N, C-alpha and C. Protein backbone atom coordinates (compact mmCIF):
# COMPACT_ATOMS: atom_id res chain seq x y z
N MET A 1 -7.37 -23.46 -19.04
CA MET A 1 -7.94 -22.02 -18.64
C MET A 1 -6.43 -21.25 -18.52
N VAL A 2 -6.57 -20.08 -19.01
CA VAL A 2 -5.50 -19.32 -18.97
C VAL A 2 -5.37 -18.34 -17.80
N SER A 3 -4.41 -18.22 -17.02
CA SER A 3 -4.07 -17.43 -15.93
C SER A 3 -4.15 -15.88 -16.12
N PRO A 4 -5.04 -15.11 -15.33
CA PRO A 4 -4.83 -13.59 -15.57
C PRO A 4 -3.76 -13.08 -15.25
N ASP A 5 -2.74 -13.83 -14.53
CA ASP A 5 -1.39 -13.15 -14.15
C ASP A 5 -0.43 -13.66 -15.25
N VAL A 6 -0.16 -12.78 -16.29
CA VAL A 6 0.65 -13.02 -17.31
C VAL A 6 2.13 -12.55 -16.88
N ILE A 7 3.00 -13.41 -17.02
CA ILE A 7 4.35 -13.17 -16.75
C ILE A 7 5.27 -12.87 -17.83
N THR A 8 5.90 -11.70 -18.10
CA THR A 8 6.81 -11.47 -19.13
C THR A 8 8.17 -11.17 -18.39
N LEU A 9 9.28 -12.07 -18.88
CA LEU A 9 10.58 -11.93 -18.14
C LEU A 9 11.60 -11.10 -18.90
N THR A 10 12.39 -10.39 -18.28
CA THR A 10 13.45 -9.67 -18.96
C THR A 10 14.56 -10.77 -19.18
N GLY A 11 15.55 -10.59 -19.97
CA GLY A 11 16.51 -11.43 -20.25
C GLY A 11 17.31 -11.69 -18.99
N ALA A 12 17.55 -10.71 -18.00
CA ALA A 12 18.29 -10.94 -16.78
C ALA A 12 17.62 -11.78 -15.95
N ASP A 13 16.23 -11.54 -15.85
CA ASP A 13 15.43 -12.35 -14.95
C ASP A 13 15.39 -13.72 -15.32
N ARG A 14 15.26 -14.12 -16.52
CA ARG A 14 15.25 -15.42 -17.19
C ARG A 14 16.45 -16.03 -16.85
N GLN A 15 17.58 -15.42 -16.96
CA GLN A 15 18.92 -16.01 -16.78
C GLN A 15 19.15 -16.30 -15.29
N ILE A 16 18.65 -15.42 -14.46
CA ILE A 16 18.72 -15.66 -13.04
C ILE A 16 17.70 -16.91 -12.64
N LEU A 17 16.65 -16.97 -13.12
CA LEU A 17 15.80 -18.10 -12.73
C LEU A 17 16.26 -19.36 -13.31
N GLU A 18 16.76 -19.30 -14.53
CA GLU A 18 17.32 -20.58 -15.19
C GLU A 18 18.31 -21.21 -14.27
N GLY A 19 19.22 -20.14 -13.82
CA GLY A 19 20.36 -20.57 -13.08
C GLY A 19 20.21 -21.26 -11.78
N ILE A 20 18.93 -20.68 -11.08
CA ILE A 20 18.35 -21.21 -9.89
C ILE A 20 17.69 -22.63 -10.20
N ALA A 21 16.92 -22.68 -11.23
CA ALA A 21 16.24 -23.87 -11.56
C ALA A 21 17.28 -24.92 -11.96
N ARG A 22 18.44 -24.80 -12.45
CA ARG A 22 19.40 -25.98 -12.61
C ARG A 22 20.35 -26.21 -11.61
N SER A 23 20.29 -25.14 -10.60
CA SER A 23 21.24 -25.37 -9.52
C SER A 23 21.21 -26.66 -8.62
N GLY A 24 22.28 -27.20 -8.37
CA GLY A 24 22.35 -28.19 -7.51
C GLY A 24 22.45 -27.85 -6.04
N SER A 25 22.71 -26.80 -5.73
CA SER A 25 23.02 -26.23 -4.45
C SER A 25 22.02 -25.27 -3.96
N ALA A 26 20.97 -24.86 -4.69
CA ALA A 26 19.89 -23.92 -4.24
C ALA A 26 19.07 -24.90 -3.41
N GLU A 27 18.16 -24.12 -2.58
CA GLU A 27 17.20 -24.67 -1.81
C GLU A 27 15.97 -25.24 -2.63
N HIS A 28 15.49 -26.40 -2.30
CA HIS A 28 14.44 -26.98 -3.32
C HIS A 28 13.42 -26.21 -3.34
N ARG A 29 13.07 -25.44 -2.45
CA ARG A 29 11.82 -24.53 -2.51
C ARG A 29 12.03 -23.29 -3.52
N GLN A 30 13.27 -22.84 -3.65
CA GLN A 30 13.71 -21.79 -4.55
C GLN A 30 13.77 -22.31 -5.83
N VAL A 31 14.22 -23.58 -6.19
CA VAL A 31 14.18 -24.34 -7.45
C VAL A 31 12.93 -24.37 -7.99
N VAL A 32 11.87 -24.88 -6.94
CA VAL A 32 10.54 -24.90 -7.64
C VAL A 32 9.80 -23.66 -7.89
N ARG A 33 10.12 -22.62 -7.30
CA ARG A 33 9.52 -21.60 -7.42
C ARG A 33 10.05 -20.99 -8.75
N ALA A 34 11.41 -20.88 -9.05
CA ALA A 34 12.01 -20.61 -10.31
C ALA A 34 11.41 -21.31 -11.52
N ARG A 35 11.09 -22.62 -11.31
CA ARG A 35 10.64 -23.48 -12.45
C ARG A 35 9.10 -22.93 -12.71
N ILE A 36 8.39 -22.68 -11.48
CA ILE A 36 7.00 -22.30 -11.72
C ILE A 36 6.98 -20.87 -12.59
N VAL A 37 7.86 -19.94 -12.16
CA VAL A 37 7.79 -18.62 -12.92
C VAL A 37 8.40 -18.78 -14.47
N LEU A 38 9.30 -19.65 -14.67
CA LEU A 38 9.74 -20.00 -15.85
C LEU A 38 8.57 -20.84 -16.81
N ALA A 39 8.08 -21.49 -16.24
CA ALA A 39 6.89 -22.30 -17.11
C ALA A 39 5.69 -21.22 -17.36
N ALA A 40 5.48 -20.44 -16.19
CA ALA A 40 4.48 -19.44 -16.23
C ALA A 40 4.70 -18.51 -17.48
N ALA A 41 5.94 -18.12 -17.51
CA ALA A 41 6.42 -17.25 -18.64
C ALA A 41 6.35 -17.78 -19.96
N ASP A 42 6.34 -19.06 -20.09
CA ASP A 42 6.30 -19.89 -21.34
C ASP A 42 4.73 -20.04 -21.81
N ARG A 43 3.85 -19.43 -20.89
CA ARG A 43 2.41 -19.26 -21.20
C ARG A 43 1.87 -20.78 -21.01
N ARG A 44 2.37 -21.42 -20.03
CA ARG A 44 1.76 -22.71 -19.57
C ARG A 44 0.66 -22.51 -18.63
N SER A 45 -0.16 -23.51 -18.50
CA SER A 45 -1.50 -23.26 -17.58
C SER A 45 -0.93 -23.68 -16.21
N ASN A 46 -1.82 -23.30 -15.13
CA ASN A 46 -1.39 -23.57 -13.89
C ASN A 46 -1.50 -25.04 -13.70
N ALA A 47 -2.50 -25.62 -14.23
CA ALA A 47 -2.79 -27.08 -14.05
C ALA A 47 -1.49 -28.03 -14.65
N GLY A 48 -0.97 -27.43 -15.80
CA GLY A 48 0.04 -28.20 -16.43
C GLY A 48 1.32 -28.12 -15.62
N ILE A 49 1.52 -26.88 -15.21
CA ILE A 49 2.53 -26.63 -14.26
C ILE A 49 2.76 -27.43 -12.99
N ALA A 50 1.54 -27.39 -12.40
CA ALA A 50 1.31 -28.10 -11.14
C ALA A 50 1.68 -29.59 -11.40
N ARG A 51 1.05 -30.20 -12.46
CA ARG A 51 1.35 -31.79 -12.92
C ARG A 51 2.64 -31.78 -12.99
N GLU A 52 3.33 -31.09 -13.80
CA GLU A 52 4.69 -31.34 -13.96
C GLU A 52 5.74 -31.20 -12.92
N LEU A 53 5.52 -30.33 -12.03
CA LEU A 53 6.35 -30.13 -11.03
C LEU A 53 5.94 -30.89 -9.62
N GLY A 54 4.62 -31.56 -9.70
CA GLY A 54 4.29 -32.24 -8.51
C GLY A 54 3.86 -31.48 -7.35
N VAL A 55 3.04 -30.40 -7.69
CA VAL A 55 2.70 -29.45 -6.63
C VAL A 55 1.21 -29.26 -6.82
N VAL A 56 0.53 -28.57 -5.89
CA VAL A 56 -0.86 -28.26 -6.27
C VAL A 56 -0.97 -26.90 -6.96
N GLU A 57 -2.06 -26.79 -7.65
CA GLU A 57 -2.59 -25.59 -8.46
C GLU A 57 -2.40 -24.42 -7.46
N ASP A 58 -2.76 -24.47 -6.41
CA ASP A 58 -2.69 -23.26 -5.45
C ASP A 58 -1.25 -22.83 -5.24
N THR A 59 -0.26 -23.71 -5.21
CA THR A 59 1.17 -23.30 -5.17
C THR A 59 1.60 -22.53 -6.22
N VAL A 60 1.22 -22.96 -7.47
CA VAL A 60 1.52 -22.38 -8.67
C VAL A 60 0.89 -20.94 -8.79
N ARG A 61 -0.36 -20.90 -8.43
CA ARG A 61 -1.05 -19.61 -8.44
C ARG A 61 -0.54 -18.60 -7.62
N LYS A 62 -0.17 -19.14 -6.39
CA LYS A 62 0.45 -18.15 -5.39
C LYS A 62 1.85 -17.56 -5.99
N TRP A 63 2.59 -18.44 -6.37
CA TRP A 63 4.18 -17.95 -6.99
C TRP A 63 3.67 -17.11 -8.30
N ARG A 64 3.09 -17.49 -9.03
CA ARG A 64 2.72 -16.73 -10.24
C ARG A 64 2.31 -15.34 -9.92
N ARG A 65 1.37 -15.34 -9.10
CA ARG A 65 0.80 -14.02 -8.63
C ARG A 65 1.82 -13.19 -7.96
N ARG A 66 2.50 -13.74 -7.00
CA ARG A 66 3.65 -13.03 -6.28
C ARG A 66 4.65 -12.46 -7.19
N PHE A 67 5.10 -13.17 -8.16
CA PHE A 67 6.18 -12.60 -9.10
C PHE A 67 5.45 -11.56 -9.91
N CYS A 68 4.24 -11.50 -10.34
CA CYS A 68 3.80 -10.59 -11.26
C CYS A 68 3.41 -9.30 -10.40
N ASP A 69 3.19 -9.38 -8.97
CA ASP A 69 3.12 -8.15 -8.15
C ASP A 69 4.42 -7.73 -7.76
N GLU A 70 5.39 -8.57 -7.47
CA GLU A 70 6.57 -7.98 -6.71
C GLU A 70 7.89 -8.16 -7.53
N GLY A 71 7.88 -8.98 -8.54
CA GLY A 71 8.86 -9.52 -9.34
C GLY A 71 9.84 -10.42 -8.73
N MET A 72 11.08 -10.30 -8.87
CA MET A 72 11.99 -11.28 -8.31
C MET A 72 12.05 -11.22 -6.72
N PRO A 73 12.06 -10.11 -6.10
CA PRO A 73 11.83 -10.14 -4.33
C PRO A 73 10.66 -10.99 -4.10
N GLY A 74 9.56 -10.84 -4.96
CA GLY A 74 8.46 -11.69 -4.59
C GLY A 74 8.66 -13.09 -4.35
N LEU A 75 9.51 -13.82 -4.90
CA LEU A 75 9.95 -15.29 -4.56
C LEU A 75 10.71 -15.57 -3.30
N LYS A 76 11.12 -14.48 -2.41
CA LYS A 76 11.65 -14.69 -1.24
C LYS A 76 10.70 -15.13 -0.26
N ASP A 77 11.13 -15.91 0.74
CA ASP A 77 10.27 -16.07 1.86
C ASP A 77 9.84 -14.87 2.69
N ARG A 78 8.62 -14.74 3.07
CA ARG A 78 8.31 -13.68 4.16
C ARG A 78 8.50 -14.22 5.51
N PRO A 79 8.52 -13.09 6.27
CA PRO A 79 8.69 -13.39 7.75
C PRO A 79 7.55 -14.22 8.29
N ARG A 80 7.70 -15.04 9.21
CA ARG A 80 6.64 -16.02 9.75
C ARG A 80 6.48 -15.55 11.28
N SER A 81 5.20 -15.75 11.57
CA SER A 81 4.99 -15.52 12.96
C SER A 81 5.39 -16.78 13.82
N GLY A 82 5.38 -16.60 14.96
CA GLY A 82 5.81 -17.82 15.90
C GLY A 82 6.03 -17.45 17.40
N ARG A 83 6.25 -18.28 18.24
CA ARG A 83 6.61 -18.03 19.62
C ARG A 83 7.61 -17.33 19.77
N PRO A 84 7.48 -16.15 20.71
CA PRO A 84 8.73 -15.51 20.93
C PRO A 84 9.64 -16.37 21.59
N ARG A 85 10.94 -15.76 21.56
CA ARG A 85 12.07 -16.41 22.24
C ARG A 85 12.08 -16.24 23.69
N VAL A 86 12.53 -17.35 24.39
CA VAL A 86 12.58 -17.41 25.81
C VAL A 86 13.62 -16.70 26.36
N PHE A 87 14.81 -17.23 25.72
CA PHE A 87 16.39 -16.64 26.11
C PHE A 87 16.69 -15.68 24.98
N THR A 88 17.38 -14.74 25.39
CA THR A 88 18.09 -13.80 24.32
C THR A 88 19.27 -14.66 23.62
N ALA A 89 19.78 -14.07 22.58
CA ALA A 89 20.81 -14.75 21.87
C ALA A 89 22.07 -14.67 22.61
N THR A 90 22.38 -13.65 23.47
CA THR A 90 23.63 -13.54 24.20
C THR A 90 23.66 -14.64 25.33
N THR A 91 22.32 -14.89 25.87
CA THR A 91 22.16 -15.96 26.88
C THR A 91 22.54 -17.39 26.35
N VAL A 92 21.84 -17.54 25.17
CA VAL A 92 22.18 -18.87 24.66
C VAL A 92 23.54 -19.08 24.13
N ALA A 93 24.38 -18.10 23.65
CA ALA A 93 25.71 -17.97 23.25
C ALA A 93 26.58 -18.42 24.52
N GLU A 94 26.12 -17.73 25.74
CA GLU A 94 26.91 -17.96 26.98
C GLU A 94 26.73 -19.43 27.28
N ILE A 95 25.62 -19.93 27.27
CA ILE A 95 25.39 -21.23 27.70
C ILE A 95 26.01 -22.21 26.94
N LYS A 96 26.09 -22.08 25.61
CA LYS A 96 26.66 -22.86 24.72
C LYS A 96 28.23 -22.90 24.96
N ALA A 97 28.76 -21.59 25.28
CA ALA A 97 30.18 -21.46 25.36
C ALA A 97 30.56 -22.50 26.77
N LEU A 98 29.66 -22.23 27.77
CA LEU A 98 29.92 -22.85 29.00
C LEU A 98 29.78 -24.49 28.89
N ALA A 99 28.95 -24.88 28.05
CA ALA A 99 28.92 -26.31 27.55
C ALA A 99 30.02 -26.87 27.01
N CYS A 100 30.52 -25.87 26.27
CA CYS A 100 31.75 -26.72 25.43
C CYS A 100 33.03 -26.57 26.18
N GLU A 101 33.09 -25.73 27.33
CA GLU A 101 34.40 -25.89 28.17
C GLU A 101 34.50 -27.07 29.06
N LEU A 102 35.57 -27.52 29.13
CA LEU A 102 35.91 -28.75 29.90
C LEU A 102 35.70 -28.48 31.39
N PRO A 103 35.12 -29.17 32.24
CA PRO A 103 34.68 -28.84 33.71
C PRO A 103 36.00 -28.37 34.37
N ALA A 104 37.17 -29.00 34.05
CA ALA A 104 38.29 -28.86 34.99
C ALA A 104 38.75 -27.42 34.71
N ARG A 105 38.32 -26.80 33.54
CA ARG A 105 38.86 -25.52 33.30
C ARG A 105 38.05 -24.45 33.66
N THR A 106 36.86 -24.77 34.16
CA THR A 106 35.91 -23.62 34.70
C THR A 106 36.20 -23.42 36.13
N VAL A 107 35.82 -22.28 36.58
CA VAL A 107 35.97 -21.93 37.90
C VAL A 107 35.27 -22.70 38.88
N ASN A 108 34.17 -23.45 38.70
CA ASN A 108 33.61 -24.35 39.46
C ASN A 108 33.76 -25.78 39.01
N PRO A 109 34.27 -26.65 40.00
CA PRO A 109 34.48 -28.15 39.69
C PRO A 109 33.10 -28.69 38.96
N LEU A 110 33.27 -29.89 38.46
CA LEU A 110 32.09 -30.55 37.91
C LEU A 110 30.90 -30.78 38.85
N GLU A 111 31.29 -31.23 39.97
CA GLU A 111 30.14 -31.44 40.88
C GLU A 111 29.35 -30.25 41.22
N SER A 112 30.14 -29.08 41.36
CA SER A 112 29.39 -28.02 41.70
C SER A 112 28.54 -27.41 40.53
N TRP A 113 29.21 -27.68 39.11
CA TRP A 113 28.29 -27.21 38.17
C TRP A 113 27.06 -28.13 37.94
N ARG A 114 27.24 -29.46 38.36
CA ARG A 114 26.04 -30.21 38.26
C ARG A 114 24.93 -29.71 39.26
N ARG A 115 25.45 -29.49 40.48
CA ARG A 115 24.40 -28.94 41.47
C ARG A 115 23.77 -27.62 40.95
N CYS A 116 24.61 -26.75 40.34
CA CYS A 116 24.02 -25.38 40.02
C CYS A 116 23.18 -25.65 38.75
N TYR A 117 23.16 -26.73 37.80
CA TYR A 117 22.57 -26.93 36.65
C TYR A 117 21.30 -27.58 37.17
N ALA A 118 21.19 -28.50 38.19
CA ALA A 118 20.16 -29.18 38.70
C ALA A 118 19.27 -28.13 39.45
N THR A 119 19.86 -27.30 40.11
CA THR A 119 19.11 -26.12 40.78
C THR A 119 18.27 -25.32 39.89
N SER A 120 18.98 -24.87 38.77
CA SER A 120 18.36 -24.08 37.79
C SER A 120 17.15 -24.72 37.12
N VAL A 121 17.29 -26.20 36.88
CA VAL A 121 16.26 -26.78 36.22
C VAL A 121 15.10 -26.88 37.18
N LEU A 122 15.54 -27.24 38.63
CA LEU A 122 14.46 -27.45 39.40
C LEU A 122 13.68 -25.93 39.65
N THR A 123 14.40 -24.99 39.58
CA THR A 123 13.73 -23.66 39.85
C THR A 123 12.84 -23.46 38.57
N CYS A 124 13.27 -23.79 37.34
CA CYS A 124 12.44 -23.51 36.12
C CYS A 124 11.04 -24.54 36.28
N VAL A 125 11.30 -25.54 36.81
CA VAL A 125 10.07 -26.36 36.98
C VAL A 125 9.22 -25.79 37.92
N ALA A 126 9.74 -25.56 38.99
CA ALA A 126 8.87 -24.80 40.22
C ALA A 126 8.13 -23.46 39.66
N ASP A 127 8.92 -22.86 38.86
CA ASP A 127 8.26 -21.64 38.34
C ASP A 127 7.20 -21.72 37.21
N GLY A 128 7.13 -23.14 36.64
CA GLY A 128 6.01 -23.43 35.69
C GLY A 128 6.65 -23.09 34.23
N ALA A 129 7.95 -22.78 34.16
CA ALA A 129 8.48 -22.26 32.81
C ALA A 129 8.63 -23.70 31.98
N ARG A 130 8.38 -23.73 30.67
CA ARG A 130 8.42 -24.89 29.94
C ARG A 130 9.66 -24.82 29.25
N ALA A 131 10.26 -23.86 28.92
CA ALA A 131 11.51 -23.74 27.98
C ALA A 131 12.66 -23.29 28.82
N CYS A 132 13.02 -23.82 30.00
CA CYS A 132 13.97 -23.51 30.90
C CYS A 132 15.04 -24.50 30.62
N ALA A 133 14.83 -25.67 30.08
CA ALA A 133 15.89 -26.61 29.85
C ALA A 133 17.02 -26.11 29.13
N ILE A 134 18.30 -26.17 29.41
CA ILE A 134 19.46 -25.72 28.75
C ILE A 134 20.01 -26.44 27.64
């Protein structure tokens, strides 16, 4: 069965996709997407492409359609939803910097730092926060 999403590549697009498909350093998912589009441009069936690349037909259908609708930008990952961050990037960076410091070089001696850490963990547990571990 022939897909209704027919892909016609420009010379520049084909060159870029072939480079990605042959790349040893590109992400695997990008390589697979490039190979799907190249095979689709050669008028191969979704089933044949899926069999050759070891993916399901829905995967081939998805990337063929996205390339038809959006071109090269359609092959990029879209933003994903997820749990919001508990700590800001600044807080995480400050904690990592503190953790990398030798205890003797900090203002507080090691024992004081341990008490401070233990107190903060106990406070987090008492507050019922799950992501308070540093």
